[in-house]
């Protein structure tokens, strides 16, 4: 497979991942009990389905592109390293916070780790938008913890991260078509 087609497929596949993770954040937000389930169902589900369908269409269409700087195997290896580190950090931090009785800190901690993991992804895929996404999620977490009541952290971080990921999914699809 041509390297640029592989990069384009990673970008479109990333939009699918963003849609899935956005949905996970919405479910978390619902279960912390701060958002009406009907409202989420009416608004978020159609928006996520549109993103998923667009990403699937982008993955299926034939693509002709110039060569990308890294091989598919190299991209895959670094994706695995970055996502593994993210998963371990989320698991460890969530476990420690729960053991210390600081459950309210888990959503901000997870979102912070998610934001941080976009920084090496931006470098890996040469996507400045991933730096922007990571920075926006980190800023969301910092502002939420600094300014919002603890009881609202889960909702604000959940909805905010979900919305940012949804928007970034569209950005990924756009980048995939420009590659």
Foldseek 3Di string as FASTA:
>chain_A
DAQLLLLLLVLLVLLLVLLVVLVVLVVLLVVLPDDDPVVCVVPVPVLSVVLNVLSVVSNPDDDDDDHDPDHNVVLVVVVVVLVVVLVVQLVVVCVVCVVVVNNLCSLLSNLLSVLVSLVVVCVSSVPVVSPVLSVQSNVQSVCCVVPPDSSCNSNSSSNSNSVSSSVVSVVSNVVSRVD
